[in-house]
Protein backbone atom coordinates (compact mmCIF):
# COMPACT_ATOMS: atom_id res chain seq x y z
CA MET A 1 26.73 -22.49 -25.17
CA ARG A 2 26.16 -22.67 -21.43
CA THR A 3 27.64 -19.18 -20.97
CA ALA A 4 25.28 -17.73 -23.60
CA GLU A 5 22.34 -19.42 -21.90
CA ILE A 6 23.28 -17.90 -18.54
CA ILE A 7 23.68 -14.43 -20.06
CA ILE A 8 20.25 -14.67 -21.72
CA LEU A 9 18.66 -15.95 -18.52
CA THR A 10 20.11 -13.19 -16.36
CA LEU A 11 19.11 -10.51 -18.89
CA VAL A 12 15.54 -11.83 -18.95
CA LEU A 13 15.41 -11.80 -15.16
CA PHE A 14 16.84 -8.28 -14.94
CA LEU A 15 14.54 -6.88 -17.64
CA THR A 16 11.44 -8.55 -16.21
CA GLY A 17 12.21 -7.27 -12.72
CA ALA A 18 13.01 -3.79 -14.03
CA SER A 19 9.77 -3.64 -16.04
CA LEU A 20 7.62 -4.67 -13.09
CA PHE A 21 9.53 -2.27 -10.84
CA ALA A 22 9.00 0.64 -13.26
CA TYR A 23 5.29 -0.17 -13.56
CA ARG A 24 4.77 -0.10 -9.81
CA ALA A 25 6.94 2.98 -9.30
CA PHE A 26 5.79 5.21 -12.15
CA VAL A 27 2.30 3.94 -13.03
CA LEU A 28 0.97 2.79 -9.66
CA ASP A 29 3.02 5.52 -7.94
CA PHE A 30 4.49 3.28 -5.24
CA PRO A 31 7.12 5.32 -3.36
CA LEU A 32 10.78 4.64 -4.13
CA VAL A 33 11.97 5.62 -0.66
CA PRO A 34 10.53 4.57 2.71
CA ASN A 35 8.36 6.85 4.81
CA ARG A 36 7.85 9.45 2.09
CA ALA A 37 4.98 11.63 3.23
CA VAL A 38 2.06 12.75 1.09
CA GLN A 39 -0.85 15.06 1.71
CA SER A 40 -4.35 13.84 2.27
CA TRP A 41 -7.57 15.53 3.24
CA HIS A 42 -10.36 14.24 5.42
CA VAL A 43 -13.68 15.90 4.54
CA GLU A 44 -16.93 15.53 6.40
CA ALA A 45 -20.54 16.56 5.81
CA LYS A 46 -22.84 16.42 8.84
CA ILE A 47 -26.57 17.04 8.71
CA GLY A 48 -28.43 17.43 11.99
CA PHE A 49 -32.18 17.89 12.22
CA ASN A 50 -35.15 17.51 14.55
CA GLY A 51 -37.36 14.51 13.96
CA THR A 52 -41.11 14.61 13.29
CA PRO A 53 -43.88 11.97 13.43
CA ASN A 54 -43.46 11.51 9.68
CA PRO A 55 -40.78 9.33 8.01
CA ALA A 56 -37.52 11.18 7.29
CA ARG A 57 -35.75 11.28 3.96
CA VAL A 58 -32.36 12.98 3.50
CA LYS A 59 -30.67 13.32 0.12
CA LEU A 60 -27.03 14.44 -0.01
CA TYR A 61 -24.81 14.95 -3.03
CA LEU A 62 -21.40 13.28 -2.75
CA PRO A 63 -18.07 14.73 -3.91
CA HIS A 64 -16.39 13.98 -7.25
CA SER A 65 -12.96 12.54 -7.87
CA SER A 66 -10.85 14.73 -10.13
CA PRO A 67 -7.49 14.59 -11.94
CA HIS A 68 -5.87 16.27 -8.93
CA TYR A 69 -7.69 14.47 -6.11
CA THR A 70 -8.78 10.85 -5.70
CA ILE A 71 -11.39 9.70 -3.19
CA VAL A 72 -9.93 6.56 -1.66
CA ASP A 73 -12.33 5.83 1.17
CA GLU A 74 -15.85 6.80 2.15
CA ASN A 75 -17.89 6.21 5.30
CA PHE A 76 -21.58 6.76 5.92
CA VAL A 77 -22.41 7.06 9.60
CA SER A 78 -26.01 7.03 10.82
CA GLU A 79 -28.07 5.18 13.37
CA GLY A 80 -31.16 3.34 12.26
CA PHE A 81 -31.23 4.84 8.75
CA ALA A 82 -31.44 2.81 5.55
CA LEU A 83 -28.82 3.99 3.04
CA THR A 84 -28.70 3.83 -0.75
CA THR A 85 -26.30 5.50 -3.17
CA GLU A 86 -26.83 6.28 -6.83
CA ASN A 87 -24.87 7.61 -9.80
CA ILE A 88 -26.70 10.00 -12.11
CA PRO A 89 -25.22 9.62 -15.64
CA GLU A 90 -26.90 12.75 -17.01
CA THR A 91 -25.03 15.05 -14.61
CA GLY A 92 -22.20 12.84 -13.38
CA ASN A 93 -23.36 13.44 -9.81
CA ARG A 94 -23.44 10.90 -7.01
CA VAL A 95 -26.24 10.93 -4.46
CA SER A 96 -26.74 9.24 -1.11
CA LEU A 97 -30.22 8.76 0.32
CA TRP A 98 -30.96 8.10 4.00
CA THR A 99 -34.46 7.01 5.02
CA LYS A 100 -35.99 6.23 8.42
CA GLN A 101 -39.55 5.51 9.43
CA ASN A 102 -39.45 6.63 13.06
CA THR A 103 -37.17 9.53 13.93
CA ARG A 104 -36.07 10.73 17.34
CA ALA A 105 -36.06 14.25 18.70
CA ARG A 106 -32.57 14.84 17.28
CA GLU A 107 -31.01 12.96 14.39
CA ILE A 108 -27.57 13.23 12.77
CA VAL A 109 -26.20 11.67 9.58
CA TYR A 110 -22.54 11.85 8.56
CA TYR A 111 -20.60 11.47 5.36
CA ARG A 112 -16.81 11.18 5.62
CA ALA A 113 -14.24 10.79 2.84
CA ILE A 114 -10.45 10.57 2.52
CA LEU A 115 -8.80 12.25 -0.47
CA TYR A 116 -5.27 11.91 -1.76
CA GLN A 117 -3.53 14.24 -4.13
CA SER A 118 -2.91 12.53 -7.45
CA ARG A 119 -1.18 13.33 -10.70
CA PRO A 120 -3.34 14.99 -13.36
CA ALA A 121 -3.98 12.38 -16.04
CA VAL A 122 -6.21 13.42 -18.92
CA ASP A 123 -7.27 11.81 -22.16
CA SER A 124 -7.78 14.26 -24.98
CA SER A 125 -10.01 11.75 -26.76
CA THR A 126 -12.47 11.60 -23.86
CA VAL A 127 -15.95 12.93 -24.53
CA PRO A 128 -17.90 13.96 -21.41
CA GLN A 129 -21.38 12.74 -20.62
CA PHE A 130 -22.84 16.15 -21.38
CA ASP A 131 -26.43 16.77 -22.44
CA ASN A 132 -26.91 20.41 -23.33
CA PRO A 133 -30.44 21.37 -22.20
CA TYR A 134 -30.50 24.53 -24.33
CA PRO A 135 -30.76 25.29 -28.04
CA VAL A 136 -27.31 26.14 -29.36
CA PHE A 137 -26.44 29.41 -31.04
CA GLY A 138 -26.69 29.16 -34.82
CA THR A 139 -29.38 26.46 -34.88
CA LYS A 140 -32.93 26.95 -36.13
CA ALA A 141 -34.36 26.48 -32.64
CA PHE A 142 -32.12 29.21 -31.26
CA ARG A 143 -33.06 31.66 -34.03
CA GLU A 144 -36.75 31.04 -33.44
CA LYS A 145 -36.39 31.70 -29.73
CA ALA A 146 -34.34 34.84 -30.41
CA GLU A 147 -37.27 36.21 -32.44
CA ASN A 148 -39.81 35.58 -29.68
CA GLU A 149 -38.02 35.67 -26.30
CA THR A 150 -36.06 38.59 -24.89
CA GLN A 151 -33.37 36.56 -23.11
CA TYR A 152 -32.47 34.72 -26.33
CA PHE A 153 -32.32 37.96 -28.24
CA VAL A 154 -29.91 39.26 -25.61
CA LEU A 155 -27.91 36.01 -25.71
CA GLN A 156 -27.61 36.25 -29.49
CA GLY A 157 -25.94 39.64 -29.26
CA VAL A 158 -23.57 38.57 -26.46
CA ILE A 159 -22.45 35.37 -28.20
CA GLU A 160 -21.98 37.10 -31.56
CA GLU A 161 -19.74 39.70 -29.91
CA LEU A 162 -17.66 37.06 -28.15
CA ARG A 163 -17.28 34.94 -31.28
CA GLU A 164 -16.02 37.90 -33.28
CA LYS A 165 -13.28 38.38 -30.67
CA ALA A 166 -12.42 34.74 -29.96
CA GLY A 167 -13.19 32.84 -33.14
CA ARG A 168 -15.60 29.99 -33.58
CA ARG A 169 -13.70 27.05 -32.06
CA ASN A 170 -11.31 28.54 -29.50
CA ARG A 171 -12.97 27.72 -26.17
CA ALA A 172 -10.19 29.22 -24.07
CA ALA A 173 -10.35 32.53 -25.96
CA PHE A 174 -14.15 32.56 -25.72
CA ALA A 175 -13.95 32.03 -21.94
CA THR A 176 -11.24 34.70 -21.67
CA HIS A 177 -13.34 37.34 -23.43
CA LEU A 178 -16.43 36.33 -21.45
CA GLN A 179 -14.49 36.82 -18.22
CA ALA A 180 -13.29 40.21 -19.41
CA MET A 181 -16.83 41.21 -20.35
CA LEU A 182 -18.11 40.28 -16.90
CA ASP A 183 -15.18 42.00 -15.17
CA ASN A 184 -15.83 45.25 -17.00
CA GLY A 185 -19.12 46.24 -15.45
CA GLY A 186 -20.85 42.92 -15.91
CA ALA A 187 -23.11 43.42 -12.90
CA GLU A 188 -24.37 46.72 -14.33
CA ASP A 189 -24.50 45.68 -17.98
CA GLY A 190 -28.14 45.89 -19.07
CA ARG A 191 -27.90 42.67 -21.06
CA PHE A 192 -26.85 40.63 -18.04
CA VAL A 193 -29.44 42.34 -15.83
CA GLN A 194 -32.15 41.26 -18.27
CA LEU A 195 -30.87 37.70 -18.28
CA ARG A 196 -30.93 37.51 -14.47
CA GLU A 197 -34.44 38.94 -14.35
CA ARG A 198 -35.82 36.38 -16.79
CA VAL A 199 -33.86 33.30 -15.62
CA PRO A 200 -34.42 32.82 -11.85
CA TYR A 201 -31.52 30.41 -11.19
CA LEU A 202 -28.80 32.77 -12.50
CA THR A 203 -28.04 33.84 -8.95
CA SER A 204 -24.25 33.80 -9.27
CA ARG A 205 -21.66 34.90 -11.77
CA ALA A 206 -20.60 31.27 -12.35
CA ALA A 207 -24.20 30.31 -13.20
CA LEU A 208 -24.36 33.17 -15.70
CA GLU A 209 -21.09 32.04 -17.31
CA VAL A 210 -22.33 28.48 -17.70
CA TYR A 211 -25.63 29.70 -19.14
CA ILE A 212 -23.85 31.68 -21.85
CA LEU A 213 -21.27 28.98 -22.58
CA GLN A 214 -23.87 26.25 -22.98
CA HIS A 215 -25.91 28.38 -25.41
CA ALA A 216 -22.68 28.98 -27.36
CA GLY A 217 -22.32 25.21 -27.80
CA ILE A 218 -19.37 24.85 -25.38
CA PRO A 219 -19.61 21.93 -22.90
CA ALA A 220 -19.81 23.69 -19.54
CA ARG A 221 -21.19 22.93 -16.12
CA LEU A 222 -21.81 24.73 -12.87
CA MET A 223 -19.66 23.03 -10.25
CA ASN A 224 -20.23 23.40 -6.53
CA GLY A 225 -17.64 22.46 -3.95
CA ILE A 226 -15.21 23.55 -1.29
CA PHE A 227 -11.66 24.83 -1.18
CA LEU A 228 -9.27 22.40 0.51
CA ALA A 229 -7.57 24.06 3.47
CA GLU A 230 -5.34 23.03 6.35
CA SER A 231 -8.32 22.82 8.64
CA ALA A 232 -11.73 24.44 8.46
CA ARG A 233 -15.17 23.96 9.97
CA SER A 234 -18.58 25.22 8.90
CA MET A 235 -17.44 25.80 5.34
CA THR A 236 -19.82 27.32 2.78
CA PRO A 237 -19.93 25.69 -0.66
CA GLU A 238 -18.54 27.78 -3.50
CA THR A 239 -19.61 27.73 -7.16
CA TRP A 240 -17.50 28.02 -10.30
CA ALA A 241 -17.82 27.40 -14.01
CA GLU A 242 -16.02 24.48 -15.66
CA ILE A 243 -15.40 23.98 -19.38
CA PHE A 244 -14.58 20.63 -20.97
CA ALA A 245 -11.44 21.03 -23.09
CA ASP A 246 -8.50 18.76 -23.98
CA GLY A 247 -9.93 15.74 -22.22
CA ALA A 248 -10.72 17.28 -18.83
CA TRP A 249 -13.01 19.70 -17.04
CA ARG A 250 -11.14 22.98 -16.61
CA ILE A 251 -11.62 26.44 -15.15
CA TYR A 252 -10.47 29.77 -16.47
CA ASP A 253 -7.38 31.01 -14.63
CA PRO A 254 -7.11 34.82 -14.79
CA ALA A 255 -3.41 34.65 -13.84
CA THR A 256 -2.46 32.62 -16.91
CA GLU A 257 -5.46 33.57 -19.06
CA ALA A 258 -5.85 29.87 -19.88
CA LEU A 259 -8.03 26.93 -19.02
CA GLU A 260 -6.50 24.92 -16.18
CA ILE A 261 -7.48 21.75 -14.30
CA PRO A 262 -8.78 23.08 -10.97
CA GLU A 263 -6.40 22.48 -8.06
CA GLY A 264 -6.96 23.32 -4.42
CA ARG A 265 -10.70 22.84 -4.66
CA LEU A 266 -12.94 19.79 -4.38
CA GLY A 267 -15.85 19.54 -6.79
CA TRP A 268 -18.84 18.22 -4.83
CA TRP A 269 -21.82 18.33 -7.21
CA SER A 270 -22.80 20.03 -10.45
CA GLY A 271 -25.98 21.89 -11.17
CA HIS A 272 -28.21 24.45 -9.52
CA ASP A 273 -29.64 22.20 -6.76
CA ASN A 274 -28.78 22.57 -3.11
CA ILE A 275 -26.20 20.14 -1.67
CA TYR A 276 -28.93 18.36 0.28
CA ALA A 277 -32.70 18.01 0.42
CA MET A 278 -34.85 16.84 3.31
CA GLU A 279 -38.34 15.55 3.91
CA GLY A 280 -39.87 14.77 7.30
CA GLY A 281 -37.40 16.79 9.36
CA ARG A 282 -37.29 20.23 10.96
CA GLN A 283 -34.55 22.79 11.44
CA PRO A 284 -31.84 21.04 9.42
CA LEU A 285 -28.26 22.21 9.84
CA LEU A 286 -25.42 21.28 7.46
CA THR A 287 -21.79 21.43 8.58
CA LEU A 288 -18.95 20.94 6.08
CA SER A 289 -15.47 20.37 7.52
CA VAL A 290 -12.04 19.61 6.08
CA LYS A 291 -8.77 18.68 7.75
CA LYS A 292 -5.39 18.15 6.17
CA HIS A 293 -3.28 15.11 7.08
CA VAL A 294 0.22 13.88 6.26
CA GLU A 295 0.40 10.15 5.64
CA ASN A 296 2.73 7.54 4.27
CA ALA A 297 3.07 7.52 0.48
CA LEU A 298 2.80 3.75 0.35
CA THR A 299 -0.51 3.90 2.20
CA GLU A 300 -1.69 6.42 -0.35
CA ALA A 301 -0.70 4.24 -3.30
CA VAL A 302 -2.45 1.19 -1.86
CA TRP A 303 -5.56 3.21 -0.96
CA ARG A 304 -5.80 4.47 -4.51
CA GLY A 305 -5.28 1.01 -6.00
CA ASP A 306 -7.88 0.21 -8.63
CA PRO A 307 -7.98 -3.56 -9.39
CA VAL A 308 -8.86 -2.77 -13.01
CA ARG A 309 -6.11 -0.24 -13.57
CA GLU A 310 -3.61 -1.84 -11.19
CA ALA A 311 -2.95 -5.15 -12.89
CA LEU A 312 -0.17 -6.09 -10.45
CA TYR A 313 -2.08 -5.35 -7.28
CA LYS A 314 -3.19 -8.98 -6.88
CA ILE A 315 0.42 -10.15 -6.68
CA SER A 316 1.38 -7.43 -4.24
CA ILE A 317 2.03 -8.27 -0.61
CA PHE A 318 -0.52 -5.59 0.34
CA SER A 319 -3.39 -7.62 -1.09
CA LEU A 320 -2.82 -10.23 1.65
CA PRO A 321 -4.25 -10.15 5.19
CA VAL A 322 -2.18 -8.10 7.60
CA ASP A 323 -0.96 -11.07 9.63
CA VAL A 324 0.23 -12.80 6.45
CA GLN A 325 1.91 -9.58 5.31
CA LEU A 326 4.00 -9.57 8.48
CA ILE A 327 5.21 -13.10 7.76
CA PHE A 328 6.18 -12.34 4.17
CA ALA A 329 7.84 -9.09 5.19
CA VAL A 330 10.41 -11.33 6.89
CA LEU A 331 10.51 -14.15 4.35
CA LEU A 332 11.16 -11.77 1.45
CA LEU A 333 14.38 -10.71 3.17
CA VAL A 334 15.79 -14.26 3.22
CA PRO A 335 16.94 -14.16 -0.46
CA VAL A 336 18.69 -10.86 0.26
CA GLY A 337 20.53 -12.48 3.16
CA ALA A 338 21.40 -15.44 0.90
CA LEU A 339 22.90 -13.01 -1.62
CA VAL A 340 25.06 -11.48 1.12
CA ILE A 341 26.26 -14.94 2.17
CA SER A 342 27.02 -15.86 -1.46
CA VAL A 343 29.17 -12.76 -1.91
CA LEU A 344 30.99 -13.32 1.37
CA ARG A 345 31.71 -16.98 0.65
CA GLN A 346 32.34 -17.05 -3.10
CA MET A 347 33.98 -13.68 -3.66
CA VAL A 348 35.42 -12.66 -0.29
CA GLY A 349 36.29 -16.13 0.99
CA VAL A 350 34.66 -16.03 4.44
CA GLN A 351 34.23 -19.49 5.96
CA THR A 352 30.78 -20.25 7.36
CA PHE A 353 28.91 -23.28 8.58
CA GLY A 354 26.46 -23.60 5.71
CA THR A 355 24.38 -20.91 4.01
CA PHE A 356 21.10 -20.75 5.90
CA MET A 357 22.51 -20.73 9.40
CA PRO A 358 23.98 -17.19 9.23
CA ILE A 359 20.78 -15.92 7.53
CA LEU A 360 18.49 -17.30 10.23
CA VAL A 361 20.77 -16.06 12.99
CA ALA A 362 20.67 -12.60 11.34
CA LEU A 363 16.85 -12.75 11.35
CA ALA A 364 16.99 -13.62 15.04
CA PHE A 365 19.28 -10.62 15.63
CA ARG A 366 16.52 -8.41 14.15
CA GLU A 367 14.33 -9.46 17.08
CA THR A 368 16.85 -9.62 19.91
CA GLN A 369 18.96 -6.63 18.81
CA LEU A 370 22.56 -7.17 17.83
CA PHE A 371 24.39 -6.97 21.17
CA TRP A 372 22.13 -9.34 23.10
CA GLY A 373 21.88 -11.59 20.09
CA ILE A 374 25.66 -12.01 19.97
CA VAL A 375 25.75 -12.64 23.72
CA MET A 376 23.12 -15.35 23.45
CA PHE A 377 24.66 -16.79 20.30
CA GLY A 378 28.07 -17.13 21.97
CA THR A 379 26.64 -18.48 25.21
CA ILE A 380 24.49 -21.15 23.61
CA ILE A 381 27.25 -22.28 21.25
CA ALA A 382 29.78 -22.50 24.10
CA LEU A 383 27.40 -24.50 26.31
CA GLY A 384 26.40 -26.73 23.44
CA LEU A 385 30.00 -27.41 22.46
CA VAL A 386 30.95 -28.40 26.01
CA PHE A 387 27.90 -30.65 26.21
CA ARG A 388 28.70 -32.17 22.81
CA LEU A 389 32.24 -33.04 23.90
CA TYR A 390 30.82 -34.68 26.98
CA LEU A 391 28.40 -36.75 24.85
CA ASN A 392 31.38 -38.09 22.92
CA ARG A 393 32.37 -40.04 26.00
CA LEU A 394 28.95 -41.69 26.08
CA ARG A 395 29.33 -42.89 22.46
CA LEU A 396 25.73 -42.05 21.47
CA LEU A 397 24.32 -42.55 18.01
CA MET A 398 23.98 -39.47 15.78
CA VAL A 399 20.19 -38.93 15.87
CA PRO A 400 19.76 -39.23 19.67
CA ARG A 401 22.89 -37.11 20.09
CA LEU A 402 21.37 -34.34 17.94
CA GLY A 403 18.14 -34.62 19.93
CA ALA A 404 20.07 -34.18 23.17
CA ILE A 405 21.88 -31.13 21.80
CA LEU A 406 18.57 -29.67 20.62
CA THR A 407 17.08 -30.16 24.07
CA LEU A 408 20.07 -28.39 25.62
CA ALA A 409 19.69 -25.46 23.20
CA VAL A 410 16.01 -25.04 24.13
CA MET A 411 16.79 -25.22 27.84
CA ALA A 412 19.61 -22.70 27.46
CA ILE A 413 17.30 -20.24 25.63
CA TYR A 414 14.65 -20.73 28.33
CA ILE A 415 17.10 -20.07 31.18
CA LEU A 416 18.61 -17.06 29.45
CA SER A 417 15.16 -15.59 28.81
CA LEU A 418 14.15 -15.99 32.46
CA GLY A 419 17.41 -14.44 33.62
CA MET A 420 17.08 -11.46 31.32
CA PHE A 421 13.44 -10.95 32.28
CA ASN A 422 14.35 -10.89 35.97
CA MET A 423 16.99 -8.27 35.15
CA ASP A 424 14.33 -6.20 33.30
CA LEU A 425 16.02 -6.98 29.99
CA HIS A 426 12.81 -7.82 28.14
CA VAL A 427 14.57 -8.07 24.80
CA GLY A 428 15.69 -11.49 25.88
CA LEU A 429 12.13 -12.79 25.52
CA SER A 430 12.58 -12.60 21.76
CA ALA A 431 15.21 -15.30 22.02
CA THR A 432 12.56 -17.91 21.33
CA LEU A 433 12.83 -16.80 17.73
CA PHE A 434 16.39 -18.06 17.61
CA PRO A 435 16.65 -20.89 15.07
CA ILE A 436 17.22 -23.56 17.68
CA VAL A 437 17.35 -26.42 15.17
CA ILE A 438 20.02 -24.58 13.20
CA LEU A 439 21.91 -23.91 16.41
CA ALA A 440 21.80 -27.59 17.27
CA MET A 441 23.18 -28.48 13.83
CA LEU A 442 25.82 -25.77 14.22
CA ILE A 443 26.96 -27.21 17.52
CA GLU A 444 27.23 -30.64 15.88
CA ARG A 445 29.14 -29.23 12.88
CA LEU A 446 31.44 -27.25 15.15
CA SER A 447 32.33 -30.26 17.26
CA VAL A 448 32.99 -32.42 14.17
CA THR A 449 35.22 -29.70 12.69
CA LEU A 450 37.00 -29.42 16.00
CA GLU A 451 37.74 -33.15 16.04
CA GLU A 452 38.76 -33.44 12.38
CA TYR A 453 40.58 -30.18 11.66
CA GLY A 454 41.46 -28.78 15.06
CA MET A 455 40.55 -25.78 17.15
CA LYS A 456 41.94 -23.20 14.70
CA GLU A 457 39.73 -24.21 11.75
CA ALA A 458 36.67 -24.61 13.98
CA MET A 459 37.10 -21.11 15.40
CA TYR A 460 37.67 -19.66 11.92
CA ALA A 461 34.38 -21.14 10.71
CA ALA A 462 32.48 -20.07 13.84
CA ALA A 463 33.85 -16.53 13.63
CA GLY A 464 33.07 -16.42 9.90
CA SER A 465 29.50 -17.53 10.52
CA LEU A 466 29.03 -14.87 13.17
CA PHE A 467 30.61 -12.22 10.92
CA ALA A 468 28.33 -13.20 8.01
CA ALA A 469 25.29 -13.10 10.28
CA ILE A 470 26.23 -9.60 11.47
CA ILE A 471 26.72 -8.30 7.91
CA SER A 472 23.40 -9.88 6.85
CA TYR A 473 21.75 -8.32 9.88
CA PHE A 474 22.83 -4.80 8.93
CA VAL A 475 21.67 -5.35 5.34
CA MET A 476 18.29 -6.77 6.37
CA ILE A 477 17.49 -3.97 8.84
CA ASN A 478 18.30 -1.23 6.34
CA ASP A 479 15.12 0.78 5.78
CA TYR A 480 15.74 1.15 2.05
CA VAL A 481 16.40 -2.55 1.52
CA VAL A 482 13.33 -3.59 3.51
CA HIS A 483 11.16 -1.04 1.69
CA LEU A 484 12.32 -2.05 -1.79
CA VAL A 485 11.98 -5.80 -1.21
CA VAL A 486 8.57 -5.61 0.47
CA THR A 487 7.08 -2.91 -1.77
CA PHE A 488 8.71 -4.15 -4.99
CA PRO A 489 9.07 -7.96 -4.59
CA GLU A 490 10.10 -8.14 -8.25
CA THR A 491 13.52 -6.94 -7.11
CA LEU A 492 14.07 -10.58 -6.07
CA LEU A 493 14.33 -11.38 -9.79
CA ALA A 494 17.43 -9.19 -9.87
CA VAL A 495 18.70 -10.92 -6.73
CA LEU A 496 18.19 -14.26 -8.48
CA ALA A 497 20.08 -13.03 -11.55
CA VAL A 498 23.03 -11.90 -9.41
CA GLN A 499 23.04 -15.25 -7.61
CA ILE A 500 23.30 -17.03 -10.97
CA LEU A 501 26.19 -14.79 -12.03
CA ILE A 502 27.99 -15.37 -8.74
CA GLY A 503 27.47 -19.10 -9.26
CA ARG A 504 29.56 -18.88 -12.43
CA TYR A 505 32.39 -16.93 -10.77
CA ASN A 506 35.55 -19.02 -10.52
CA GLY A 507 38.19 -16.36 -9.99
CA TYR A 508 40.27 -15.58 -6.93
CA LYS A 509 38.58 -14.77 -3.65
CA LEU A 510 39.78 -11.73 -1.75
CA THR A 511 41.24 -13.83 1.03
CA GLU A 512 43.20 -15.85 -1.52
CA PHE A 513 45.07 -12.77 -2.68
CA TYR A 514 46.50 -12.60 0.85
CA ARG A 515 46.93 -16.35 1.12
CA PHE A 516 48.97 -16.63 -2.09
CA ARG A 517 50.76 -13.31 -1.73
CA LEU A 518 54.16 -15.03 -1.64
CA LEU A 519 53.67 -16.30 -5.19
CA ASN A 520 53.80 -12.71 -6.45
CA THR A 521 56.95 -11.86 -4.49
CA PRO A 522 60.01 -11.31 -6.78
CA PRO A 523 62.85 -13.85 -6.32
CA VAL A 524 65.76 -13.02 -4.02
CA GLN A 525 69.31 -12.97 -5.50
CA ASP A 526 72.52 -12.72 -3.46
CA GLY A 527 70.60 -11.89 -0.35
CA LYS A 528 68.86 -8.97 -2.03
CA GLN A 529 65.45 -8.69 -3.59
CA GLY A 530 65.78 -8.55 -7.34
CA LYS A 531 63.82 -6.50 -9.81
CA GLY A 532 62.61 -9.37 -11.92
């Protein structure tokens, strides 16, 4: 019954840890390997203008997040300006508004954003917030306008032609044939010339596409933005047409003749307005810049973390203050060191003085580096052991004796640190992180073992403790181990499950195979080794 309970417990721990691990790795996109680099872009919009006696008002459209790119941080930099931001549901645009009563001769306002590349995630059931401002082809309002207005009469003929080629509901085919129509002499086609003459804001091909698509009843918008490059200054906004299909805004890709989610470009604002508007200023100048960066993938995942979508973010180490993170980055490694000690003691058969002493010494080695850590470890233990043997002659009680040994350990660390500092070996200053209380207990345990079991057993246990500390040190400084434990703390559930399984192991230790090797030696007959 107890065995079944342990199996169920370990399975629950493994499955829980694996589920949380998979969620962080594949949903939250936390990197599985340390120092994996990702691409990010820093974009900036700067508006400079000359002040006037009148109050200044600057309106700037802000960029959109998209399935391919996520805005993770924004900064608004200005001096003396009041700032408000607003979302416009009708268009999906975001707007920032700077206002200032008294302007100087030269004023500058900045907008800066950091973007990370993300995985396209679309929902085919999503319906966009799209309000078509035009009468749709086939409705009574459209037919009435086609009878009285030239541009609607022209639109009727264009849409009818495209629908005959593409069908009524195939948006991709409709966009494909519209592109082909515009490619084949669209600028000189009399129908499109008439449309441009009668509709003043059809100043670009993309605006003409959106105008036709919207009248055909296809959700479309005129998107303005920039192309993301390695590094560019004084960029000019581009325009393109986007169609809502299969749960996302898409553009027509001539290479594939299909509607694709736009990649390599940042949508800034939709509509026919300019990117900014100004009142109370003279000679405004807009500068758009973009610069590509390479950053850590873990930083990217944390930046993108949405507390609503990322249910586990609140129990992540990265939700803590930085100084607390540094503490837990060390503490989370202690169970890993305990697992190493458990394997070495229960399965290999290495003798150590306790469980926590080698772990804490290994943590100290991470600060002092291995060589100097071993030197200091050996020196302090040797001095402490000599001092402990001397205290035996004084016949002190246990608690004062431990206090005296602890005092000696602190003094020894202090003297060693001063000596190393004077020799320009600054690594020795980290010796204060040595677990001095554990060292004091170790000295006491070593002296008792020496008295009760002799020098051989005492040295075996001391060497085993040092060996276990060194093995734990190499495990706990491994980049992959540190990354997995700190980034995915749920891996400690698997560590706990393995500890429970090791706790039920009662078979031979590796050292016992050597110890009892003579039991497996065949008997000797007549001076010769027999076969049986």
